[in-house]
Amino acid sequence: MTVKLNKTAFAHAKDLIGKGQAVKDERDDWSEHAPTADQENEYLDKHGWDEYGLWYLGIDTEMGDETKGHYKFPYGDFRRVHRCGVISAESRAAQNDYDDITDAVAQLHELLDGDHA
């Protein structure tokens, strides 16, 4: 599996944080705040793959573009960035040595915890 940073999603997340569209929730809230499979499917039906991809910081280059397996490291609920999603992505990216994703989510984490959000 080859996973790289989704630069478009990273820019989207930074833009959302800059606009105040972020939730400063707690680390362990992600299991409750992450979109369900049904919510993902509904979003895909309404918005398509390009917009769906904006919510995932990683791309698995070995999977087809129009498959859910292509997208890794979700960070929000299709409306807002969630701090808990960023923290979850940060720890999983570090565990798997995805340095570019680890660096990106660390930047998002700093933005969320700083005065920028």
PDB file of N, CA and C in Angstrom:
ATOM      1  N   MET A   1       0.847  -1.180   0.000  1.00  0.00           N
ATOM      2  CA  MET A   1       0.000   0.000   0.000  1.00  0.00           C
ATOM      3  C   MET A   1       0.891   1.241   0.000  1.00  0.00           C
ATOM      4  N   THR A   2       0.605   2.147  -0.927  1.00  0.00           N
ATOM      5  CA  THR A   2       1.319   3.408  -1.003  1.00  0.00           C
ATOM      6  C   THR A   2       0.343   4.530  -0.692  1.00  0.00           C
ATOM      7  N   VAL A   3       0.527   5.176   0.450  1.00  0.00           N
ATOM      8  CA  VAL A   3      -0.366   6.253   0.864  1.00  0.00           C
ATOM      9  C   VAL A   3       0.422   7.554   0.884  1.00  0.00           C
ATOM     10  N   LYS A   4      -0.145   8.572   0.225  1.00  0.00           N
ATOM     11  CA  LYS A   4       0.507   9.883   0.198  1.00  0.00           C
ATOM     12  C   LYS A   4      -0.485  10.954   0.638  1.00  0.00           C
ATOM     13  N   LEU A   5       0.044  12.115   0.937  1.00  0.00           N
ATOM     14  CA  LEU A   5      -0.776  13.233   1.384  1.00  0.00           C
ATOM     15  C   LEU A   5      -1.703  13.699   0.266  1.00  0.00           C
ATOM     16  N   ASN A   6      -2.954  13.888   0.604  1.00  0.00           N
ATOM     17  CA  ASN A   6      -3.932  14.487  -0.295  1.00  0.00           C
ATOM     18  C   ASN A   6      -3.823  16.000  -0.087  1.00  0.00           C
ATOM     19  N   LYS A   7      -3.023  16.648  -0.914  1.00  0.00           N
ATOM     20  CA  LYS A   7      -2.736  18.079  -0.736  1.00  0.00           C
ATOM     21  C   LYS A   7      -3.981  18.947  -0.865  1.00  0.00           C
ATOM     22  N   THR A   8      -4.912  18.541  -1.709  1.00  0.00           N
ATOM     23  CA  THR A   8      -6.154  19.299  -1.871  1.00  0.00           C
ATOM     24  C   THR A   8      -6.981  19.236  -0.584  1.00  0.00           C
ATOM     25  N   ALA A   9      -7.050  18.065   0.034  1.00  0.00           N
ATOM     26  CA  ALA A   9      -7.788  17.911   1.287  1.00  0.00           C
ATOM     27  C   ALA A   9      -7.101  18.688   2.415  1.00  0.00           C
ATOM     28  N   PHE A  10      -5.777  18.692   2.411  1.00  0.00           N
ATOM     29  CA  PHE A  10      -5.023  19.443   3.419  1.00  0.00           C
ATOM     30  C   PHE A  10      -5.346  20.936   3.309  1.00  0.00           C
ATOM     31  N   ALA A  11      -5.344  21.454   2.094  1.00  0.00           N
ATOM     32  CA  ALA A  11      -5.679  22.870   1.882  1.00  0.00           C
ATOM     33  C   ALA A  11      -7.126  23.147   2.301  1.00  0.00           C
ATOM     34  N   HIS A  12      -8.025  22.220   2.004  1.00  0.00           N
ATOM     35  CA  HIS A  12      -9.435  22.356   2.383  1.00  0.00           C
ATOM     36  C   HIS A  12      -9.574  22.411   3.905  1.00  0.00           C
ATOM     37  N   ALA A  13      -8.877  21.536   4.596  1.00  0.00           N
ATOM     38  CA  ALA A  13      -8.937  21.517   6.064  1.00  0.00           C
ATOM     39  C   ALA A  13      -8.410  22.830   6.642  1.00  0.00           C
ATOM     40  N   LYS A  14      -7.295  23.319   6.125  1.00  0.00           N
ATOM     41  CA  LYS A  14      -6.743  24.591   6.615  1.00  0.00           C
ATOM     42  C   LYS A  14      -7.721  25.730   6.366  1.00  0.00           C
ATOM     43  N   ASP A  15      -8.364  25.722   5.206  1.00  0.00           N
ATOM     44  CA  ASP A  15      -9.341  26.755   4.880  1.00  0.00           C
ATOM     45  C   ASP A  15     -10.526  26.709   5.846  1.00  0.00           C
ATOM     46  N   LEU A  16     -11.024  25.515   6.105  1.00  0.00           N
ATOM     47  CA  LEU A  16     -12.142  25.372   7.043  1.00  0.00           C
ATOM     48  C   LEU A  16     -11.774  25.859   8.439  1.00  0.00           C
ATOM     49  N   ILE A  17     -10.594  25.512   8.895  1.00  0.00           N
ATOM     50  CA  ILE A  17     -10.150  25.958  10.224  1.00  0.00           C
ATOM     51  C   ILE A  17     -10.054  27.485  10.243  1.00  0.00           C
ATOM     52  N   GLY A  18      -9.498  28.046   9.178  1.00  0.00           N
ATOM     53  CA  GLY A  18      -9.380  29.508   9.083  1.00  0.00           C
ATOM     54  C   GLY A  18     -10.726  30.204   9.114  1.00  0.00           C
ATOM     55  N   LYS A  19     -11.755  29.543   8.603  1.00  0.00           N
ATOM     56  CA  LYS A  19     -13.108  30.102   8.589  1.00  0.00           C
ATOM     57  C   LYS A  19     -13.884  29.788   9.857  1.00  0.00           C
ATOM     58  N   GLY A  20     -13.233  29.110  10.794  1.00  0.00           N
ATOM     59  CA  GLY A  20     -13.901  28.776  12.053  1.00  0.00           C
ATOM     60  C   GLY A  20     -14.837  27.590  11.953  1.00  0.00           C
ATOM     61  N   GLN A  21     -14.721  26.814  10.894  1.00  0.00           N
ATOM     62  CA  GLN A  21     -15.572  25.639  10.723  1.00  0.00           C
ATOM     63  C   GLN A  21     -14.864  24.420  11.297  1.00  0.00           C
ATOM     64  N   ALA A  22     -14.677  24.464  12.609  1.00  0.00           N
ATOM     65  CA  ALA A  22     -13.959  23.400  13.303  1.00  0.00           C
ATOM     66  C   ALA A  22     -14.588  23.167  14.666  1.00  0.00           C
ATOM     67  N   VAL A  23     -14.467  21.933  15.114  1.00  0.00           N
ATOM     68  CA  VAL A  23     -14.971  21.540  16.429  1.00  0.00           C
ATOM     69  C   VAL A  23     -13.771  21.164  17.281  1.00  0.00           C
ATOM     70  N   LYS A  24     -13.619  21.844  18.399  1.00  0.00           N
ATOM     71  CA  LYS A  24     -12.492  21.557  19.300  1.00  0.00           C
ATOM     72  C   LYS A  24     -12.926  20.523  20.336  1.00  0.00           C
ATOM     73  N   ASP A  25     -13.183  19.330  19.846  1.00  0.00           N
ATOM     74  CA  ASP A  25     -13.630  18.249  20.707  1.00  0.00           C
ATOM     75  C   ASP A  25     -12.432  17.515  21.310  1.00  0.00           C
ATOM     76  N   GLU A  26     -12.723  16.497  22.080  1.00  0.00           N
ATOM     77  CA  GLU A  26     -11.672  15.764  22.784  1.00  0.00           C
ATOM     78  C   GLU A  26     -11.189  14.566  21.968  1.00  0.00           C
ATOM     79  N   ARG A  27      -9.990  14.147  22.238  1.00  0.00           N
ATOM     80  CA  ARG A  27      -9.319  13.059  21.520  1.00  0.00           C
ATOM     81  C   ARG A  27     -10.209  11.824  21.313  1.00  0.00           C
ATOM     82  N   ASP A  28     -10.890  11.393  22.338  1.00  0.00           N
ATOM     83  CA  ASP A  28     -11.645  10.139  22.280  1.00  0.00           C
ATOM     84  C   ASP A  28     -13.038  10.287  21.670  1.00  0.00           C
ATOM     85  N   ASP A  29     -13.400  11.472  21.197  1.00  0.00           N
ATOM     86  CA  ASP A  29     -14.731  11.700  20.629  1.00  0.00           C
ATOM     87  C   ASP A  29     -14.870  11.191  19.196  1.00  0.00           C
ATOM     88  N   TRP A  30     -13.771  10.860  18.542  1.00  0.00           N
ATOM     89  CA  TRP A  30     -13.823  10.518  17.124  1.00  0.00           C
ATOM     90  C   TRP A  30     -14.720   9.314  16.832  1.00  0.00           C
ATOM     91  N   SER A  31     -14.763   8.334  17.714  1.00  0.00           N
ATOM     92  CA  SER A  31     -15.608   7.167  17.457  1.00  0.00           C
ATOM     93  C   SER A  31     -17.084   7.571  17.347  1.00  0.00           C
ATOM     94  N   GLU A  32     -17.468   8.634  18.024  1.00  0.00           N
ATOM     95  CA  GLU A  32     -18.845   9.119  17.956  1.00  0.00           C
ATOM     96  C   GLU A  32     -19.051  10.146  16.846  1.00  0.00           C
ATOM     97  N   HIS A  33     -18.004  10.893  16.500  1.00  0.00           N
ATOM     98  CA  HIS A  33     -18.140  11.993  15.545  1.00  0.00           C
ATOM     99  C   HIS A  33     -17.797  11.615  14.107  1.00  0.00           C
ATOM    100  N   ALA A  34     -17.074  10.524  13.922  1.00  0.00           N
ATOM    101  CA  ALA A  34     -16.696  10.101  12.566  1.00  0.00           C
ATOM    102  C   ALA A  34     -17.946   9.732  11.771  1.00  0.00           C
ATOM    103  N   PRO A  35     -17.967  10.071  10.492  1.00  0.00           N
ATOM    104  CA  PRO A  35     -19.123   9.693   9.676  1.00  0.00           C
ATOM    105  C   PRO A  35     -19.297   8.175   9.605  1.00  0.00           C
ATOM    106  N   THR A  36     -20.533   7.741   9.625  1.00  0.00           N
ATOM    107  CA  THR A  36     -20.843   6.321   9.476  1.00  0.00           C
ATOM    108  C   THR A  36     -20.765   5.951   7.994  1.00  0.00           C
ATOM    109  N   ALA A  37     -20.779   4.673   7.703  1.00  0.00           N
ATOM    110  CA  ALA A  37     -20.779   4.221   6.305  1.00  0.00           C
ATOM    111  C   ALA A  37     -21.993   4.774   5.570  1.00  0.00           C
ATOM    112  N   ASP A  38     -23.149   4.803   6.217  1.00  0.00           N
ATOM    113  CA  ASP A  38     -24.351   5.358   5.587  1.00  0.00           C
ATOM    114  C   ASP A  38     -24.192   6.845   5.287  1.00  0.00           C
ATOM    115  N   GLN A  39     -23.594   7.589   6.213  1.00  0.00           N
ATOM    116  CA  GLN A  39     -23.359   9.018   5.983  1.00  0.00           C
ATOM    117  C   GLN A  39     -22.366   9.227   4.841  1.00  0.00           C
ATOM    118  N   GLU A  40     -21.352   8.383   4.783  1.00  0.00           N
ATOM    119  CA  GLU A  40     -20.395   8.469   3.679  1.00  0.00           C
ATOM    120  C   GLU A  40     -21.098   8.231   2.346  1.00  0.00           C
ATOM    121  N   ASN A  41     -21.927   7.188   2.298  1.00  0.00           N
ATOM    122  CA  ASN A  41     -22.638   6.865   1.060  1.00  0.00           C
ATOM    123  C   ASN A  41     -23.594   7.981   0.638  1.00  0.00           C
ATOM    124  N   GLU A  42     -24.278   8.553   1.599  1.00  0.00           N
ATOM    125  CA  GLU A  42     -25.196   9.654   1.317  1.00  0.00           C
ATOM    126  C   GLU A  42     -24.435  10.861   0.767  1.00  0.00           C
ATOM    127  N   TYR A  43     -23.295  11.170   1.379  1.00  0.00           N
ATOM    128  CA  TYR A  43     -22.482  12.290   0.915  1.00  0.00           C
ATOM    129  C   TYR A  43     -21.978  12.031  -0.503  1.00  0.00           C
ATOM    130  N   LEU A  44     -21.514  10.822  -0.749  1.00  0.00           N
ATOM    131  CA  LEU A  44     -21.048  10.451  -2.091  1.00  0.00           C
ATOM    132  C   LEU A  44     -22.161  10.600  -3.127  1.00  0.00           C
ATOM    133  N   ASP A  45     -23.346  10.139  -2.808  1.00  0.00           N
ATOM    134  CA  ASP A  45     -24.477  10.234  -3.731  1.00  0.00           C
ATOM    135  C   ASP A  45     -24.803  11.686  -4.080  1.00  0.00           C
ATOM    136  N   LYS A  46     -24.702  12.563  -3.098  1.00  0.00           N
ATOM    137  CA  LYS A  46     -25.057  13.969  -3.303  1.00  0.00           C
ATOM    138  C   LYS A  46     -23.930  14.792  -3.918  1.00  0.00           C
ATOM    139  N   HIS A  47     -22.676  14.462  -3.590  1.00  0.00           N
ATOM    140  CA  HIS A  47     -21.566  15.355  -3.932  1.00  0.00           C
ATOM    141  C   HIS A  47     -20.514  14.757  -4.859  1.00  0.00           C
ATOM    142  N   GLY A  48     -20.445  13.452  -4.983  1.00  0.00           N
ATOM    143  CA  GLY A  48     -19.468  12.826  -5.865  1.00  0.00           C
ATOM    144  C   GLY A  48     -18.109  12.612  -5.217  1.00  0.00           C
ATOM    145  N   TRP A  49     -17.242  11.934  -5.974  1.00  0.00           N
ATOM    146  CA  TRP A  49     -15.940  11.509  -5.454  1.00  0.00           C
ATOM    147  C   TRP A  49     -14.987  12.661  -5.175  1.00  0.00           C
ATOM    148  N   ASP A  50     -14.993  13.704  -6.005  1.00  0.00           N
ATOM    149  CA  ASP A  50     -14.051  14.808  -5.800  1.00  0.00           C
ATOM    150  C   ASP A  50     -14.278  15.498  -4.465  1.00  0.00           C
ATOM    151  N   GLU A  51     -15.548  15.797  -4.158  1.00  0.00           N
ATOM    152  CA  GLU A  51     -15.841  16.450  -2.879  1.00  0.00           C
ATOM    153  C   GLU A  51     -15.654  15.489  -1.706  1.00  0.00           C
ATOM    154  N   TYR A  52     -15.990  14.230  -1.913  1.00  0.00           N
ATOM    155  CA  TYR A  52     -15.763  13.219  -0.877  1.00  0.00           C
ATOM    156  C   TYR A  52     -14.282  13.184  -0.500  1.00  0.00           C
ATOM    157  N   GLY A  53     -13.419  13.225  -1.492  1.00  0.00           N
ATOM    158  CA  GLY A  53     -11.974  13.165  -1.265  1.00  0.00           C
ATOM    159  C   GLY A  53     -11.421  14.341  -0.475  1.00  0.00           C
ATOM    160  N   LEU A  54     -12.138  15.453  -0.453  1.00  0.00           N
ATOM    161  CA  LEU A  54     -11.679  16.626   0.296  1.00  0.00           C
ATOM    162  C   LEU A  54     -11.636  16.375   1.804  1.00  0.00           C
ATOM    163  N   TRP A  55     -12.278  15.318   2.259  1.00  0.00           N
ATOM    164  CA  TRP A  55     -12.392  15.033   3.685  1.00  0.00           C
ATOM    165  C   TRP A  55     -11.436  13.942   4.166  1.00  0.00           C
ATOM    166  N   TYR A  56     -10.468  13.585   3.309  1.00  0.00           N
ATOM    167  CA  TYR A  56      -9.513  12.523   3.630  1.00  0.00           C
ATOM    168  C   TYR A  56      -8.101  13.001   3.318  1.00  0.00           C
ATOM    169  N   LEU A  57      -7.245  12.992   4.325  1.00  0.00           N
ATOM    170  CA  LEU A  57      -5.895  13.535   4.171  1.00  0.00           C
ATOM    171  C   LEU A  57      -4.923  12.593   3.486  1.00  0.00           C
ATOM    172  N   GLY A  58      -5.298  11.336   3.295  1.00  0.00           N
ATOM    173  CA  GLY A  58      -4.429  10.376   2.632  1.00  0.00           C
ATOM    174  C   GLY A  58      -5.089   9.774   1.413  1.00  0.00           C
ATOM    175  N   ILE A  59      -4.243   9.418   0.437  1.00  0.00           N
ATOM    176  CA  ILE A  59      -4.700   8.752  -0.774  1.00  0.00           C
ATOM    177  C   ILE A  59      -3.859   7.498  -0.962  1.00  0.00           C
ATOM    178  N   ASP A  60      -4.537   6.364  -1.098  1.00  0.00           N
ATOM    179  CA  ASP A  60      -3.853   5.106  -1.401  1.00  0.00           C
ATOM    180  C   ASP A  60      -3.763   5.010  -2.916  1.00  0.00           C
ATOM    181  N   THR A  61      -2.566   5.203  -3.451  1.00  0.00           N
ATOM    182  CA  THR A  61      -2.371   5.262  -4.900  1.00  0.00           C
ATOM    183  C   THR A  61      -2.546   3.915  -5.581  1.00  0.00           C
ATOM    184  N   GLU A  62      -2.617   2.855  -4.812  1.00  0.00           N
ATOM    185  CA  GLU A  62      -2.803   1.524  -5.396  1.00  0.00           C
ATOM    186  C   GLU A  62      -4.284   1.143  -5.533  1.00  0.00           C
ATOM    187  N   MET A  63      -5.164   1.983  -5.015  1.00  0.00           N
ATOM    188  CA  MET A  63      -6.608   1.725  -5.093  1.00  0.00           C
ATOM    189  C   MET A  63      -7.220   2.659  -6.133  1.00  0.00           C
ATOM    190  N   GLY A  64      -8.298   2.237  -6.748  1.00  0.00           N
ATOM    191  CA  GLY A  64      -8.980   3.053  -7.739  1.00  0.00           C
ATOM    192  C   GLY A  64      -9.499   4.353  -7.159  1.00  0.00           C
ATOM    193  N   ASP A  65      -9.466   5.423  -7.981  1.00  0.00           N
ATOM    194  CA  ASP A  65      -9.888   6.753  -7.539  1.00  0.00           C
ATOM    195  C   ASP A  65     -11.323   6.782  -7.014  1.00  0.00           C
ATOM    196  N   GLU A  66     -12.181   5.991  -7.595  1.00  0.00           N
ATOM    197  CA  GLU A  66     -13.581   6.015  -7.200  1.00  0.00           C
ATOM    198  C   GLU A  66     -13.936   4.805  -6.348  1.00  0.00           C
ATOM    199  N   THR A  67     -13.107   4.590  -5.314  1.00  0.00           N
ATOM    200  CA  THR A  67     -13.363   3.566  -4.311  1.00  0.00           C
ATOM    201  C   THR A  67     -13.099   4.175  -2.945  1.00  0.00           C
ATOM    202  N   LYS A  68     -13.842   3.727  -1.953  1.00  0.00           N
ATOM    203  CA  LYS A  68     -13.604   4.238  -0.602  1.00  0.00           C
ATOM    204  C   LYS A  68     -12.215   3.870  -0.107  1.00  0.00           C
ATOM    205  N   GLY A  69     -11.674   2.743  -0.565  1.00  0.00           N
ATOM    206  CA  GLY A  69     -10.353   2.322  -0.152  1.00  0.00           C
ATOM    207  C   GLY A  69      -9.239   3.248  -0.608  1.00  0.00           C
ATOM    208  N   HIS A  70      -9.529   4.095  -1.573  1.00  0.00           N
ATOM    209  CA  HIS A  70      -8.553   5.070  -2.079  1.00  0.00           C
ATOM    210  C   HIS A  70      -8.293   6.168  -1.053  1.00  0.00           C
ATOM    211  N   TYR A  71      -9.265   6.413  -0.193  1.00  0.00           N
ATOM    212  CA  TYR A  71      -9.214   7.543   0.740  1.00  0.00           C
ATOM    213  C   TYR A  71      -8.943   7.080   2.163  1.00  0.00           C
ATOM    214  N   LYS A  72      -7.951   7.699   2.794  1.00  0.00           N
ATOM    215  CA  LYS A  72      -7.516   7.345   4.156  1.00  0.00           C
ATOM    216  C   LYS A  72      -7.452   8.611   5.014  1.00  0.00           C
ATOM    217  N   PHE A  73      -7.486   8.440   6.287  1.00  0.00           N
ATOM    218  CA  PHE A  73      -7.298   9.511   7.264  1.00  0.00           C
ATOM    219  C   PHE A  73      -8.374  10.606   7.187  1.00  0.00           C
ATOM    220  N   PRO A  74      -9.618  10.250   7.507  1.00  0.00           N
ATOM    221  CA  PRO A  74     -10.672  11.264   7.563  1.00  0.00           C
ATOM    222  C   PRO A  74     -10.412  12.222   8.727  1.00  0.00           C
ATOM    223  N   TYR A  75     -10.865  13.448   8.567  1.00  0.00           N
ATOM    224  CA  TYR A  75     -10.626  14.452   9.615  1.00  0.00           C
ATOM    225  C   TYR A  75     -11.869  15.246   9.992  1.00  0.00           C
ATOM    226  N   GLY A  76     -12.989  14.971   9.358  1.00  0.00           N
ATOM    227  CA  GLY A  76     -14.182  15.759   9.657  1.00  0.00           C
ATOM    228  C   GLY A  76     -15.462  15.003   9.370  1.00  0.00           C
ATOM    229  N   ASP A  77     -16.568  15.726   9.519  1.00  0.00           N
ATOM    230  CA  ASP A  77     -17.907  15.121   9.390  1.00  0.00           C
ATOM    231  C   ASP A  77     -18.626  15.579   8.126  1.00  0.00           C
ATOM    232  N   PHE A  78     -17.890  16.028   7.118  1.00  0.00           N
ATOM    233  CA  PHE A  78     -18.401  16.542   5.855  1.00  0.00           C
ATOM    234  C   PHE A  78     -18.999  17.939   5.996  1.00  0.00           C
ATOM    235  N   ARG A  79     -18.815  18.552   7.158  1.00  0.00           N
ATOM    236  CA  ARG A  79     -19.228  19.941   7.377  1.00  0.00           C
ATOM    237  C   ARG A  79     -18.130  20.732   8.077  1.00  0.00           C
ATOM    238  N   ARG A  80     -17.480  20.074   9.051  1.00  0.00           N
ATOM    239  CA  ARG A  80     -16.485  20.761   9.873  1.00  0.00           C
ATOM    240  C   ARG A  80     -15.299  19.842  10.142  1.00  0.00           C
ATOM    241  N   VAL A  81     -14.180  20.475  10.430  1.00  0.00           N
ATOM    242  CA  VAL A  81     -12.991  19.746  10.879  1.00  0.00           C
ATOM    243  C   VAL A  81     -13.216  19.391  12.351  1.00  0.00           C
ATOM    244  N   HIS A  82     -12.884  18.176  12.720  1.00  0.00           N
ATOM    245  CA  HIS A  82     -12.986  17.768  14.117  1.00  0.00           C
ATOM    246  C   HIS A  82     -11.581  17.554  14.672  1.00  0.00           C
ATOM    247  N   ARG A  83     -11.304  18.204  15.781  1.00  0.00           N
ATOM    248  CA  ARG A  83     -10.002  18.045  16.435  1.00  0.00           C
ATOM    249  C   ARG A  83      -9.715  16.569  16.717  1.00  0.00           C
ATOM    250  N   CYS A  84     -10.735  15.832  17.149  1.00  0.00           N
ATOM    251  CA  CYS A  84     -10.542  14.416  17.459  1.00  0.00           C
ATOM    252  C   CYS A  84     -10.169  13.622  16.201  1.00  0.00           C
ATOM    253  N   GLY A  85     -10.714  13.993  15.047  1.00  0.00           N
ATOM    254  CA  GLY A  85     -10.357  13.337  13.799  1.00  0.00           C
ATOM    255  C   GLY A  85      -8.928  13.629  13.388  1.00  0.00           C
ATOM    256  N   VAL A  86      -8.504  14.866  13.614  1.00  0.00           N
ATOM    257  CA  VAL A  86      -7.124  15.260  13.315  1.00  0.00           C
ATOM    258  C   VAL A  86      -6.160  14.485  14.215  1.00  0.00           C
ATOM    259  N   ILE A  87      -6.479  14.392  15.498  1.00  0.00           N
ATOM    260  CA  ILE A  87      -5.617  13.664  16.442  1.00  0.00           C
ATOM    261  C   ILE A  87      -5.545  12.189  16.061  1.00  0.00           C
ATOM    262  N   SER A  88      -6.681  11.610  15.687  1.00  0.00           N
ATOM    263  CA  SER A  88      -6.701  10.215  15.275  1.00  0.00           C
ATOM    264  C   SER A  88      -5.831  10.002  14.031  1.00  0.00           C
ATOM    265  N   ALA A  89      -5.970  10.883  13.060  1.00  0.00           N
ATOM    266  CA  ALA A  89      -5.158  10.785  11.840  1.00  0.00           C
ATOM    267  C   ALA A  89      -3.674  10.967  12.155  1.00  0.00           C
ATOM    268  N   GLU A  90      -3.382  11.872  13.069  1.00  0.00           N
ATOM    269  CA  GLU A  90      -1.990  12.146  13.444  1.00  0.00           C
ATOM    270  C   GLU A  90      -1.321  10.904  14.038  1.00  0.00           C
ATOM    271  N   SER A  91      -2.012  10.239  14.945  1.00  0.00           N
ATOM    272  CA  SER A  91      -1.400   9.071  15.585  1.00  0.00           C
ATOM    273  C   SER A  91      -1.296   7.899  14.611  1.00  0.00           C
ATOM    274  N   ARG A  92      -2.321   7.676  13.777  1.00  0.00           N
ATOM    275  CA  ARG A  92      -2.263   6.568  12.818  1.00  0.00           C
ATOM    276  C   ARG A  92      -1.210   6.805  11.740  1.00  0.00           C
ATOM    277  N   ALA A  93      -1.068   8.038  11.286  1.00  0.00           N
ATOM    278  CA  ALA A  93      -0.053   8.335  10.268  1.00  0.00           C
ATOM    279  C   ALA A  93       1.345   8.120  10.843  1.00  0.00           C
ATOM    280  N   ALA A  94       1.549   8.530  12.081  1.00  0.00           N
ATOM    281  CA  ALA A  94       2.866   8.343  12.717  1.00  0.00           C
ATOM    282  C   ALA A  94       3.166   6.856  12.913  1.00  0.00           C
ATOM    283  N   GLN A  95       2.174   6.082  13.309  1.00  0.00           N
ATOM    284  CA  GLN A  95       2.365   4.640  13.506  1.00  0.00           C
ATOM    285  C   GLN A  95       2.772   3.938  12.217  1.00  0.00           C
ATOM    286  N   ASN A  96       2.297   4.458  11.085  1.00  0.00           N
ATOM    287  CA  ASN A  96       2.562   3.829   9.796  1.00  0.00           C
ATOM    288  C   ASN A  96       3.680   4.511   9.009  1.00  0.00           C
ATOM    289  N   ASP A  97       4.373   5.451   9.647  1.00  0.00           N
ATOM    290  CA  ASP A  97       5.495   6.161   9.025  1.00  0.00           C
ATOM    291  C   ASP A  97       5.121   6.898   7.748  1.00  0.00           C
ATOM    292  N   TYR A  98       3.933   7.486   7.717  1.00  0.00           N
ATOM    293  CA  TYR A  98       3.525   8.351   6.608  1.00  0.00           C
ATOM    294  C   TYR A  98       3.917   9.779   6.989  1.00  0.00           C
ATOM    295  N   ASP A  99       5.183  10.098   6.783  1.00  0.00           N
ATOM    296  CA  ASP A  99       5.741  11.351   7.286  1.00  0.00           C
ATOM    297  C   ASP A  99       5.050  12.593   6.743  1.00  0.00           C
ATOM    298  N   ASP A 100       4.707  12.601   5.445  1.00  0.00           N
ATOM    299  CA  ASP A 100       4.069  13.791   4.889  1.00  0.00           C
ATOM    300  C   ASP A 100       2.686  14.012   5.508  1.00  0.00           C
ATOM    301  N   ILE A 101       1.963  12.935   5.771  1.00  0.00           N
ATOM    302  CA  ILE A 101       0.651  13.059   6.407  1.00  0.00           C
ATOM    303  C   ILE A 101       0.814  13.429   7.873  1.00  0.00           C
ATOM    304  N   THR A 102       1.781  12.824   8.542  1.00  0.00           N
ATOM    305  CA  THR A 102       2.047  13.158   9.944  1.00  0.00           C
ATOM    306  C   THR A 102       2.355  14.644  10.092  1.00  0.00           C
ATOM    307  N   ASP A 103       3.193  15.184   9.219  1.00  0.00           N
ATOM    308  CA  ASP A 103       3.542  16.605   9.265  1.00  0.00           C
ATOM    309  C   ASP A 103       2.319  17.485   9.015  1.00  0.00           C
ATOM    310  N   ALA A 104       1.506  17.102   8.040  1.00  0.00           N
ATOM    311  CA  ALA A 104       0.318  17.890   7.705  1.00  0.00           C
ATOM    312  C   ALA A 104      -0.684  17.916   8.857  1.00  0.00           C
ATOM    313  N   VAL A 105      -0.963  16.765   9.427  1.00  0.00           N
ATOM    314  CA  VAL A 105      -1.948  16.748  10.517  1.00  0.00           C
ATOM    315  C   VAL A 105      -1.403  17.427  11.769  1.00  0.00           C
ATOM    316  N   ALA A 106      -0.097  17.388  11.967  1.00  0.00           N
ATOM    317  CA  ALA A 106       0.489  18.134  13.083  1.00  0.00           C
ATOM    318  C   ALA A 106       0.249  19.635  12.891  1.00  0.00           C
ATOM    319  N   GLN A 107       0.365  20.100  11.660  1.00  0.00           N
ATOM    320  CA  GLN A 107       0.077  21.512  11.373  1.00  0.00           C
ATOM    321  C   GLN A 107      -1.389  21.847  11.639  1.00  0.00           C
ATOM    322  N   LEU A 108      -2.289  20.946  11.219  1.00  0.00           N
ATOM    323  CA  LEU A 108      -3.715  21.168  11.487  1.00  0.00           C
ATOM    324  C   LEU A 108      -3.990  21.185  12.985  1.00  0.00           C
ATOM    325  N   HIS A 109      -3.357  20.285  13.704  1.00  0.00           N
ATOM    326  CA  HIS A 109      -3.522  20.218  15.156  1.00  0.00           C
ATOM    327  C   HIS A 109      -3.078  21.534  15.797  1.00  0.00           C
ATOM    328  N   GLU A 110      -1.955  22.072  15.348  1.00  0.00           N
ATOM    329  CA  GLU A 110      -1.471  23.350  15.865  1.00  0.00           C
ATOM    330  C   GLU A 110      -2.459  24.476  15.566  1.00  0.00           C
ATOM    331  N   LEU A 111      -3.009  24.488  14.346  1.00  0.00           N
ATOM    332  CA  LEU A 111      -3.991  25.503  13.988  1.00  0.00           C
ATOM    333  C   LEU A 111      -5.231  25.413  14.880  1.00  0.00           C
ATOM    334  N   LEU A 112      -5.677  24.200  15.120  1.00  0.00           N
ATOM    335  CA  LEU A 112      -6.858  24.000  15.954  1.00  0.00           C
ATOM    336  C   LEU A 112      -6.624  24.412  17.404  1.00  0.00           C
ATOM    337  N   ASP A 113      -5.453  24.137  17.917  1.00  0.00           N
ATOM    338  CA  ASP A 113      -5.168  24.436  19.311  1.00  0.00           C
ATOM    339  C   ASP A 113      -4.631  25.844  19.529  1.00  0.00           C
ATOM    340  N   GLY A 114      -4.305  26.528  18.433  1.00  0.00           N
ATOM    341  CA  GLY A 114      -3.789  27.893  18.529  1.00  0.00           C
ATOM    342  C   GLY A 114      -4.913  28.912  18.467  1.00  0.00           C
ATOM    343  N   ASP A 115      -4.528  30.124  18.193  1.00  0.00           N
ATOM    344  CA  ASP A 115      -5.506  31.224  18.123  1.00  0.00           C
ATOM    345  C   ASP A 115      -6.077  31.400  16.725  1.00  0.00           C
ATOM    346  N   HIS A 116      -5.725  30.522  15.793  1.00  0.00           N
ATOM    347  CA  HIS A 116      -6.143  30.684  14.405  1.00  0.00           C
ATOM    348  C   HIS A 116      -7.537  30.166  14.130  1.00  0.00           C
ATOM    349  N   ALA A 117      -8.051  29.305  14.987  1.00  0.00           N
ATOM    350  CA  ALA A 117      -9.349  28.690  14.696  1.00  0.00           C
ATOM    351  C   ALA A 117     -10.492  29.510  15.248  1.00  0.00           C
TER     352      ALA A 117
END
